[in-house]
Amino acid sequence: MAVKKSRSTEKASILIVEDEVIVAMELREKLTAMGWRVSGLATSGAEAIASAEADRPDLVLMDITIKGEMDGIQTAHHLQARHHIPVIFITAFVRPGLRRPRAFKDSFIWLSKPLVDEDLLQAIRRALDGKKKTAKPDRPRRLKPAPLTGRQRGRGC
């Protein structure tokens, strides 16, 4: 029987949200070559949300301009609010007037296309390190019992 790798020893899973299929496939190859596991490819916000619900990726690489009713920023906001999944935005250009929403300024990383391997690797590590620091435990922590007062010890106070 094969031993299942624990979550702590296995490489993180990454969801790619990119509406250009060729770009998404190239990115998947690049991430796989770097040793990461790609949990899925999505071309729209709705697909990204469904994939995140099903696969629970550790990280999302999100193009800002994607298919569907939601853009990448709206989709990232949804994923962050519901699942606390870190997002790295990837974009070919910065549109005039494109602003990082205040709520996202410290929560997300932004990279410009074409992606440089070293920048991508550092961004992934930084995002995952940030997730570890802010992660909530899966189950409640056991609280230490409060010290007993004199009355509780059997002594009157």
C-alpha atoms as a PDB file:
ATOM      1  CA  MET A   1       0.000   0.000   0.000  1.00  0.00           C
ATOM      2  CA  ALA A   2       1.387   3.396  -1.007  1.00  0.00           C
ATOM      3  CA  VAL A   3       1.950   6.001   1.661  1.00  0.00           C
ATOM      4  CA  LYS A   4      -0.039   9.150   1.036  1.00  0.00           C
ATOM      5  CA  LYS A   5       2.061  12.292   1.288  1.00  0.00           C
ATOM      6  CA  SER A   6       1.012  14.657   3.989  1.00  0.00           C
ATOM      7  CA  ARG A   7      -0.102  18.156   3.029  1.00  0.00           C
ATOM      8  CA  SER A   8       3.009  19.600   4.644  1.00  0.00           C
ATOM      9  CA  THR A   9       5.415  17.593   2.483  1.00  0.00           C
ATOM     10  CA  GLU A  10       3.610  17.773  -0.835  1.00  0.00           C
ATOM     11  CA  LYS A  11       3.978  20.721  -3.194  1.00  0.00           C
ATOM     12  CA  ALA A  12       1.166  23.221  -3.109  1.00  0.00           C
ATOM     13  CA  SER A  13      -1.631  23.024  -5.639  1.00  0.00           C
ATOM     14  CA  ILE A  14      -2.213  26.007  -7.913  1.00  0.00           C
ATOM     15  CA  LEU A  15      -5.324  26.949  -9.866  1.00  0.00           C
ATOM     16  CA  ILE A  16      -4.657  28.892 -13.077  1.00  0.00           C
ATOM     17  CA  VAL A  17      -7.340  31.362 -14.178  1.00  0.00           C
ATOM     18  CA  GLU A  18      -6.485  32.581 -17.683  1.00  0.00           C
ATOM     19  CA  ASP A  19      -8.831  33.048 -20.632  1.00  0.00           C
ATOM     20  CA  GLU A  20      -6.107  32.539 -23.244  1.00  0.00           C
ATOM     21  CA  VAL A  21      -5.824  28.756 -23.415  1.00  0.00           C
ATOM     22  CA  ILE A  22      -2.327  28.714 -24.950  1.00  0.00           C
ATOM     23  CA  VAL A  23      -1.016  31.030 -22.227  1.00  0.00           C
ATOM     24  CA  ALA A  24      -2.681  28.864 -19.552  1.00  0.00           C
ATOM     25  CA  MET A  25      -1.129  25.685 -20.962  1.00  0.00           C
ATOM     26  CA  GLU A  26       2.328  27.280 -21.119  1.00  0.00           C
ATOM     27  CA  LEU A  27       1.924  28.447 -17.548  1.00  0.00           C
ATOM     28  CA  ARG A  28       0.856  24.949 -16.472  1.00  0.00           C
ATOM     29  CA  GLU A  29       3.985  23.480 -18.101  1.00  0.00           C
ATOM     30  CA  LYS A  30       6.179  26.085 -16.410  1.00  0.00           C
ATOM     31  CA  LEU A  31       4.666  25.444 -12.973  1.00  0.00           C
ATOM     32  CA  THR A  32       4.897  21.676 -13.395  1.00  0.00           C
ATOM     33  CA  ALA A  33       8.551  21.978 -14.403  1.00  0.00           C
ATOM     34  CA  MET A  34       9.143  24.023 -11.227  1.00  0.00           C
ATOM     35  CA  GLY A  35       7.645  21.160  -9.205  1.00  0.00           C
ATOM     36  CA  TRP A  36       4.224  22.631  -8.395  1.00  0.00           C
ATOM     37  CA  ARG A  37       0.947  20.752  -8.841  1.00  0.00           C
ATOM     38  CA  VAL A  38      -1.653  22.455 -11.047  1.00  0.00           C
ATOM     39  CA  SER A  39      -5.119  21.681  -9.695  1.00  0.00           C
ATOM     40  CA  GLY A  40      -6.949  23.037 -12.722  1.00  0.00           C
ATOM     41  CA  LEU A  41      -7.383  25.599 -15.478  1.00  0.00           C
ATOM     42  CA  ALA A  42     -10.297  28.040 -15.603  1.00  0.00           C
ATOM     43  CA  THR A  43     -11.179  30.675 -18.199  1.00  0.00           C
ATOM     44  CA  SER A  44     -13.900  32.548 -16.286  1.00  0.00           C
ATOM     45  CA  GLY A  45     -14.743  33.658 -12.787  1.00  0.00           C
ATOM     46  CA  ALA A  46     -17.557  31.120 -12.514  1.00  0.00           C
ATOM     47  CA  GLU A  47     -15.223  28.269 -13.543  1.00  0.00           C
ATOM     48  CA  ALA A  48     -12.583  29.479 -11.093  1.00  0.00           C
ATOM     49  CA  ILE A  49     -15.060  29.546  -8.204  1.00  0.00           C
ATOM     50  CA  ALA A  50     -16.387  26.079  -9.070  1.00  0.00           C
ATOM     51  CA  SER A  51     -12.852  24.689  -9.368  1.00  0.00           C
ATOM     52  CA  ALA A  52     -11.822  26.258  -6.051  1.00  0.00           C
ATOM     53  CA  GLU A  53     -14.895  24.764  -4.363  1.00  0.00           C
ATOM     54  CA  ALA A  54     -14.102  21.301  -5.732  1.00  0.00           C
ATOM     55  CA  ASP A  55     -10.310  21.191  -5.495  1.00  0.00           C
ATOM     56  CA  ARG A  56      -9.425  23.640  -2.690  1.00  0.00           C
ATOM     57  CA  PRO A  57      -6.165  24.886  -4.261  1.00  0.00           C
ATOM     58  CA  ASP A  58      -3.491  26.434  -2.064  1.00  0.00           C
ATOM     59  CA  LEU A  59      -2.986  29.344  -4.450  1.00  0.00           C
ATOM     60  CA  VAL A  60      -4.594  30.971  -7.499  1.00  0.00           C
ATOM     61  CA  LEU A  61      -2.788  32.595 -10.435  1.00  0.00           C
ATOM     62  CA  MET A  62      -5.400  35.002 -11.806  1.00  0.00           C
ATOM     63  CA  ASP A  63      -5.441  37.023 -15.005  1.00  0.00           C
ATOM     64  CA  ILE A  64      -7.324  40.279 -14.478  1.00  0.00           C
ATOM     65  CA  THR A  65      -9.163  40.156 -17.798  1.00  0.00           C
ATOM     66  CA  ILE A  66     -11.073  36.878 -18.028  1.00  0.00           C
ATOM     67  CA  LYS A  67     -14.261  35.618 -19.666  1.00  0.00           C
ATOM     68  CA  GLY A  68     -17.673  35.900 -18.048  1.00  0.00           C
ATOM     69  CA  GLU A  69     -19.515  38.409 -15.927  1.00  0.00           C
ATOM     70  CA  MET A  70     -16.794  38.751 -13.268  1.00  0.00           C
ATOM     71  CA  ASP A  71     -13.310  40.019 -13.958  1.00  0.00           C
ATOM     72  CA  GLY A  72     -10.259  38.624 -12.177  1.00  0.00           C
ATOM     73  CA  ILE A  73     -10.413  41.196  -9.391  1.00  0.00           C
ATOM     74  CA  GLN A  74     -14.039  40.389  -8.560  1.00  0.00           C
ATOM     75  CA  THR A  75     -13.315  36.666  -8.706  1.00  0.00           C
ATOM     76  CA  ALA A  76     -10.298  37.058  -6.417  1.00  0.00           C
ATOM     77  CA  HIS A  77     -12.402  39.015  -3.942  1.00  0.00           C
ATOM     78  CA  HIS A  78     -14.935  36.171  -3.869  1.00  0.00           C
ATOM     79  CA  LEU A  79     -12.241  33.493  -3.422  1.00  0.00           C
ATOM     80  CA  GLN A  80     -10.540  35.486  -0.678  1.00  0.00           C
ATOM     81  CA  ALA A  81     -13.762  36.145   1.193  1.00  0.00           C
ATOM     82  CA  ARG A  82     -15.049  32.552   1.069  1.00  0.00           C
ATOM     83  CA  HIS A  83     -11.907  30.419   1.087  1.00  0.00           C
ATOM     84  CA  HIS A  84      -8.987  32.638   2.145  1.00  0.00           C
ATOM     85  CA  ILE A  85      -7.021  31.474  -0.903  1.00  0.00           C
ATOM     86  CA  PRO A  86      -4.054  33.693  -1.768  1.00  0.00           C
ATOM     87  CA  VAL A  87      -4.128  35.149  -5.279  1.00  0.00           C
ATOM     88  CA  ILE A  88      -1.326  36.267  -7.552  1.00  0.00           C
ATOM     89  CA  PHE A  89      -2.620  38.558 -10.277  1.00  0.00           C
ATOM     90  CA  ILE A  90      -0.999  38.230 -13.682  1.00  0.00           C
ATOM     91  CA  THR A  91      -1.632  40.827 -16.342  1.00  0.00           C
ATOM     92  CA  ALA A  92      -0.280  41.679 -19.780  1.00  0.00           C
ATOM     93  CA  PHE A  93      -0.695  45.390 -19.225  1.00  0.00           C
ATOM     94  CA  VAL A  94      -1.800  47.819 -16.621  1.00  0.00           C
ATOM     95  CA  ARG A  95      -4.809  49.724 -17.880  1.00  0.00           C
ATOM     96  CA  PRO A  96      -4.980  53.428 -17.151  1.00  0.00           C
ATOM     97  CA  GLY A  97      -7.219  53.866 -14.148  1.00  0.00           C
ATOM     98  CA  LEU A  98      -6.711  50.273 -12.948  1.00  0.00           C
ATOM     99  CA  ARG A  99      -6.302  50.511  -9.214  1.00  0.00           C
ATOM    100  CA  ARG A 100      -5.661  47.870  -6.686  1.00  0.00           C
ATOM    101  CA  PRO A 101      -8.679  47.846  -4.422  1.00  0.00           C
ATOM    102  CA  ARG A 102      -7.789  49.073  -0.915  1.00  0.00           C
ATOM    103  CA  ALA A 103      -8.947  45.834   0.652  1.00  0.00           C
ATOM    104  CA  PHE A 104      -6.475  43.956  -1.565  1.00  0.00           C
ATOM    105  CA  LYS A 105      -3.403  46.145  -1.279  1.00  0.00           C
ATOM    106  CA  ASP A 106      -1.587  43.834   1.130  1.00  0.00           C
ATOM    107  CA  SER A 107      -3.427  40.613   0.339  1.00  0.00           C
ATOM    108  CA  PHE A 108      -2.465  40.059  -3.268  1.00  0.00           C
ATOM    109  CA  ILE A 109       0.661  39.980  -5.406  1.00  0.00           C
ATOM    110  CA  TRP A 110       0.752  41.484  -8.900  1.00  0.00           C
ATOM    111  CA  LEU A 111       2.997  40.238 -11.751  1.00  0.00           C
ATOM    112  CA  SER A 112       3.269  41.518 -15.313  1.00  0.00           C
ATOM    113  CA  LYS A 113       3.366  39.303 -18.389  1.00  0.00           C
ATOM    114  CA  PRO A 114       5.534  37.938 -19.803  1.00  0.00           C
ATOM    115  CA  LEU A 115       6.307  36.204 -16.541  1.00  0.00           C
ATOM    116  CA  VAL A 116       9.919  35.844 -15.477  1.00  0.00           C
ATOM    117  CA  ASP A 117      10.490  32.422 -13.897  1.00  0.00           C
ATOM    118  CA  GLU A 118      12.386  33.768 -10.878  1.00  0.00           C
ATOM    119  CA  ASP A 119       9.739  36.446 -10.204  1.00  0.00           C
ATOM    120  CA  LEU A 120       6.990  33.838 -10.457  1.00  0.00           C
ATOM    121  CA  LEU A 121       8.792  31.458  -8.100  1.00  0.00           C
ATOM    122  CA  GLN A 122       9.394  34.198  -5.520  1.00  0.00           C
ATOM    123  CA  ALA A 123       5.775  35.380  -5.749  1.00  0.00           C
ATOM    124  CA  ILE A 124       4.461  31.831  -5.207  1.00  0.00           C
ATOM    125  CA  ARG A 125       6.694  31.306  -2.198  1.00  0.00           C
ATOM    126  CA  ARG A 126       5.742  34.683  -0.732  1.00  0.00           C
ATOM    127  CA  ALA A 127       2.019  34.038  -1.218  1.00  0.00           C
ATOM    128  CA  LEU A 128       2.213  30.585   0.352  1.00  0.00           C
ATOM    129  CA  ASP A 129       4.328  31.842   3.259  1.00  0.00           C
ATOM    130  CA  GLY A 130       1.714  34.544   3.859  1.00  0.00           C
ATOM    131  CA  LYS A 131      -1.030  31.912   3.794  1.00  0.00           C
ATOM    132  CA  LYS A 132       0.743  29.861   6.452  1.00  0.00           C
ATOM    133  CA  LYS A 133       1.060  32.905   8.716  1.00  0.00           C
ATOM    134  CA  THR A 134      -2.603  33.865   8.403  1.00  0.00           C
ATOM    135  CA  ALA A 135      -4.139  30.387   8.158  1.00  0.00           C
ATOM    136  CA  LYS A 136      -6.829  29.543  10.632  1.00  0.00           C
ATOM    137  CA  PRO A 137      -6.620  26.112  12.229  1.00  0.00           C
ATOM    138  CA  ASP A 138      -8.973  23.492  10.810  1.00  0.00           C
ATOM    139  CA  ARG A 139     -10.233  22.605  14.252  1.00  0.00           C
ATOM    140  CA  PRO A 140     -10.543  24.677  17.383  1.00  0.00           C
ATOM    141  CA  ARG A 141      -7.486  24.889  19.572  1.00  0.00           C
ATOM    142  CA  ARG A 142      -7.784  23.406  23.019  1.00  0.00           C
ATOM    143  CA  LEU A 143      -7.857  26.079  25.614  1.00  0.00           C
ATOM    144  CA  LYS A 144      -5.879  25.660  28.813  1.00  0.00           C
ATOM    145  CA  PRO A 145      -8.067  25.530  31.864  1.00  0.00           C
ATOM    146  CA  ALA A 146      -8.130  28.715  33.901  1.00  0.00           C
ATOM    147  CA  PRO A 147      -6.294  28.554  37.219  1.00  0.00           C
ATOM    148  CA  LEU A 148      -8.504  27.558  40.103  1.00  0.00           C
ATOM    149  CA  THR A 149      -9.488  30.236  42.563  1.00  0.00           C
ATOM    150  CA  GLY A 150      -9.271  29.692  46.323  1.00  0.00           C
ATOM    151  CA  ARG A 151     -12.986  28.819  46.516  1.00  0.00           C
ATOM    152  CA  GLN A 152     -12.716  26.299  43.664  1.00  0.00           C
ATOM    153  CA  ARG A 153      -9.780  24.628  45.425  1.00  0.00           C
ATOM    154  CA  GLY A 154     -11.970  24.043  48.447  1.00  0.00           C
ATOM    155  CA  ARG A 155     -10.798  27.037  50.413  1.00  0.00           C
ATOM    156  CA  GLY A 156     -13.244  29.761  51.248  1.00  0.00           C
ATOM    157  CA  CYS A 157     -12.463  33.269  50.061  1.00  0.00           C
END
